[in-house]
Every structure is written in structure tokens, then in C-alpha cells.
Amino acid sequence: MKLTPEKVRYVADLANLKLTGEEVARMAHDLDEILSHMDKLNQLDTTGVEPMAQVLSDASETATLREDAIRPPLSNADALQCAPQPGQGYFKVPKVIER
């Protein structure tokens, strides 16, 4: 699979990244290598391979999870108590996306 510089710039734009021409060329090569490797992995026959277990599936008595207990929710006033800029019942945050 060959990625074009236009596709790399499109993906970079979605991630709000500004890439130089050199970075675009390097990313196109790196991403192409990754996608080629994924194509190879997709060709493998996984018939008969058992699914991997979850980390805590066999550790029920040693799991360090807290008890799932019903608790009253945090009130809006309590949540905003330490907010640097609360306003009208919400957290005020600076604008981070400018286009």
C-alpha cells in the first residue's frame, strides 16, 4: 500500500499537526511500512488459536478492584468548587481549536 503525501497531510490535518515536507515524506514511509505489516498480519491463519485472556480473569480472589457500591453522585456545585473558572454551572476552558 503506497500512501501519497496528500493523504499524509490529510491525516496530519485531522490531528491538527503541521508537518514540514521532510516530515511528510518520512511519515508516508513509516505509515506505509506499518500498513504493509498489518496486511501481512491479516494474511495469517489464526484458526485454532485461543483468544487471549483478560488480565484479571483468573485473579478473582486477588483482584484489587474496589467493591461496586451505589453512591450518591457528585453534585454540580461540589464538582465546580475547585474549578479555576466556573460559570453558569459549567467548567469554563480556553478555546483550543482555531480554524
C-alpha atoms as a PDB file:
ATOM      1  CA  MET A   1       0.000   0.000   0.000  1.00  0.00           C
ATOM      2  CA  LYS A   2       1.509   3.307  -1.037  1.00  0.00           C
ATOM      3  CA  LEU A   3       0.481   6.417   0.863  1.00  0.00           C
ATOM      4  CA  THR A   4       0.548   9.688  -1.003  1.00  0.00           C
ATOM      5  CA  PRO A   5       1.812  12.912   0.592  1.00  0.00           C
ATOM      6  CA  GLU A   6      -1.716  14.299   0.223  1.00  0.00           C
ATOM      7  CA  LYS A   7      -3.139  11.500   2.375  1.00  0.00           C
ATOM      8  CA  VAL A   8      -0.448  12.057   4.994  1.00  0.00           C
ATOM      9  CA  ARG A   9      -1.206  15.791   5.059  1.00  0.00           C
ATOM     10  CA  TYR A  10      -4.940  14.992   5.355  1.00  0.00           C
ATOM     11  CA  VAL A  11      -4.358  12.724   8.368  1.00  0.00           C
ATOM     12  CA  ALA A  12      -1.973  15.280   9.893  1.00  0.00           C
ATOM     13  CA  ASP A  13      -4.614  17.961   9.439  1.00  0.00           C
ATOM     14  CA  LEU A  14      -7.188  15.782  11.225  1.00  0.00           C
ATOM     15  CA  ALA A  15      -4.736  15.506  14.130  1.00  0.00           C
ATOM     16  CA  ASN A  16      -4.116  19.268  13.954  1.00  0.00           C
ATOM     17  CA  LEU A  17      -0.419  18.697  13.149  1.00  0.00           C
ATOM     18  CA  LYS A  18       1.723  20.934  10.998  1.00  0.00           C
ATOM     19  CA  LEU A  19       4.312  18.844   9.141  1.00  0.00           C
ATOM     20  CA  THR A  20       7.235  20.005   7.035  1.00  0.00           C
ATOM     21  CA  GLY A  21       7.854  18.476   3.624  1.00  0.00           C
ATOM     22  CA  GLU A  22      10.595  16.286   5.114  1.00  0.00           C
ATOM     23  CA  GLU A  23       8.267  15.101   7.877  1.00  0.00           C
ATOM     24  CA  VAL A  24       5.525  14.311   5.357  1.00  0.00           C
ATOM     25  CA  ALA A  25       7.924  12.130   3.354  1.00  0.00           C
ATOM     26  CA  ARG A  26       9.169  10.345   6.483  1.00  0.00           C
ATOM     27  CA  MET A  27       5.622   9.808   7.806  1.00  0.00           C
ATOM     28  CA  ALA A  28       4.469   8.493   4.425  1.00  0.00           C
ATOM     29  CA  HIS A  29       7.288   5.931   4.502  1.00  0.00           C
ATOM     30  CA  ASP A  30       6.709   4.975   8.161  1.00  0.00           C
ATOM     31  CA  LEU A  31       2.937   4.694   7.820  1.00  0.00           C
ATOM     32  CA  ASP A  32       3.332   2.688   4.619  1.00  0.00           C
ATOM     33  CA  GLU A  33       5.607   0.246   6.468  1.00  0.00           C
ATOM     34  CA  ILE A  34       3.069  -0.092   9.296  1.00  0.00           C
ATOM     35  CA  LEU A  35       0.168  -0.705   6.922  1.00  0.00           C
ATOM     36  CA  SER A  36       2.206  -3.249   4.938  1.00  0.00           C
ATOM     37  CA  HIS A  37       2.970  -5.103   8.162  1.00  0.00           C
ATOM     38  CA  MET A  38      -0.732  -5.070   9.085  1.00  0.00           C
ATOM     39  CA  ASP A  39      -1.530  -6.569   5.670  1.00  0.00           C
ATOM     40  CA  LYS A  40       0.916  -9.400   6.398  1.00  0.00           C
ATOM     41  CA  LEU A  41      -0.682  -9.999   9.795  1.00  0.00           C
ATOM     42  CA  ASN A  42      -4.149 -10.106   8.222  1.00  0.00           C
ATOM     43  CA  GLN A  43      -2.984 -12.957   5.943  1.00  0.00           C
ATOM     44  CA  LEU A  44      -2.097 -15.235   8.873  1.00  0.00           C
ATOM     45  CA  ASP A  45      -4.302 -18.237   9.561  1.00  0.00           C
ATOM     46  CA  THR A  46      -5.460 -17.954  13.161  1.00  0.00           C
ATOM     47  CA  THR A  47      -7.745 -20.986  13.086  1.00  0.00           C
ATOM     48  CA  GLY A  48      -7.417 -22.878  16.360  1.00  0.00           C
ATOM     49  CA  VAL A  49      -5.642 -20.048  18.172  1.00  0.00           C
ATOM     50  CA  GLU A  50      -7.268 -19.495  21.536  1.00  0.00           C
ATOM     51  CA  PRO A  51      -8.291 -15.935  22.357  1.00  0.00           C
ATOM     52  CA  MET A  52      -6.062 -14.175  24.846  1.00  0.00           C
ATOM     53  CA  ALA A  53      -7.310 -13.968  28.429  1.00  0.00           C
ATOM     54  CA  GLN A  54      -8.082 -10.746  30.229  1.00  0.00           C
ATOM     55  CA  VAL A  55      -5.584  -9.612  32.845  1.00  0.00           C
ATOM     56  CA  LEU A  56      -7.854 -10.194  35.854  1.00  0.00           C
ATOM     57  CA  SER A  57      -9.979 -13.065  34.524  1.00  0.00           C
ATOM     58  CA  ASP A  58      -8.286 -15.762  36.660  1.00  0.00           C
ATOM     59  CA  ALA A  59      -7.414 -13.487  39.593  1.00  0.00           C
ATOM     60  CA  SER A  60     -10.859 -13.007  41.110  1.00  0.00           C
ATOM     61  CA  GLU A  61      -9.711 -13.558  44.707  1.00  0.00           C
ATOM     62  CA  THR A  62      -6.545 -11.495  44.270  1.00  0.00           C
ATOM     63  CA  ALA A  63      -8.023  -8.726  42.145  1.00  0.00           C
ATOM     64  CA  THR A  64      -7.552  -5.272  43.629  1.00  0.00           C
ATOM     65  CA  LEU A  65     -10.773  -3.785  42.334  1.00  0.00           C
ATOM     66  CA  ARG A  66     -12.988  -1.859  44.728  1.00  0.00           C
ATOM     67  CA  GLU A  67     -16.428  -3.131  45.602  1.00  0.00           C
ATOM     68  CA  ASP A  68     -19.070  -1.952  43.156  1.00  0.00           C
ATOM     69  CA  ALA A  69     -21.270   0.021  45.529  1.00  0.00           C
ATOM     70  CA  ILE A  70     -24.020   2.509  44.777  1.00  0.00           C
ATOM     71  CA  ARG A  71     -23.043   6.003  45.891  1.00  0.00           C
ATOM     72  CA  PRO A  72     -24.748   9.354  45.546  1.00  0.00           C
ATOM     73  CA  PRO A  73     -23.399  11.304  42.577  1.00  0.00           C
ATOM     74  CA  LEU A  74     -21.206  14.360  42.998  1.00  0.00           C
ATOM     75  CA  SER A  75     -23.345  17.488  42.929  1.00  0.00           C
ATOM     76  CA  ASN A  76     -22.728  20.142  40.305  1.00  0.00           C
ATOM     77  CA  ALA A  77     -21.772  22.677  42.983  1.00  0.00           C
ATOM     78  CA  ASP A  78     -19.270  20.275  44.558  1.00  0.00           C
ATOM     79  CA  ALA A  79     -17.733  19.462  41.191  1.00  0.00           C
ATOM     80  CA  LEU A  80     -17.259  23.150  40.366  1.00  0.00           C
ATOM     81  CA  GLN A  81     -15.969  24.063  43.819  1.00  0.00           C
ATOM     82  CA  CYS A  82     -12.290  23.867  42.793  1.00  0.00           C
ATOM     83  CA  ALA A  83     -12.730  24.923  39.165  1.00  0.00           C
ATOM     84  CA  PRO A  84     -10.445  27.816  38.181  1.00  0.00           C
ATOM     85  CA  GLN A  85     -13.239  29.434  36.142  1.00  0.00           C
ATOM     86  CA  PRO A  86     -16.725  28.109  36.864  1.00  0.00           C
ATOM     87  CA  GLY A  87     -19.578  29.748  35.038  1.00  0.00           C
ATOM     88  CA  GLN A  88     -23.302  29.096  34.784  1.00  0.00           C
ATOM     89  CA  GLY A  89     -22.944  25.570  36.159  1.00  0.00           C
ATOM     90  CA  TYR A  90     -20.136  24.524  33.792  1.00  0.00           C
ATOM     91  CA  PHE A  91     -16.341  24.419  33.639  1.00  0.00           C
ATOM     92  CA  LYS A  92     -15.009  27.296  31.555  1.00  0.00           C
ATOM     93  CA  VAL A  93     -11.969  26.306  29.494  1.00  0.00           C
ATOM     94  CA  PRO A  94      -9.886  28.225  26.979  1.00  0.00           C
ATOM     95  CA  LYS A  95     -10.557  27.675  23.304  1.00  0.00           C
ATOM     96  CA  VAL A  96      -8.007  25.227  21.893  1.00  0.00           C
ATOM     97  CA  ILE A  97      -9.201  24.686  18.322  1.00  0.00           C
ATOM     98  CA  GLU A  98      -8.916  27.599  15.952  1.00  0.00           C
ATOM     99  CA  ARG A  99      -9.729  27.192  12.261  1.00  0.00           C
END
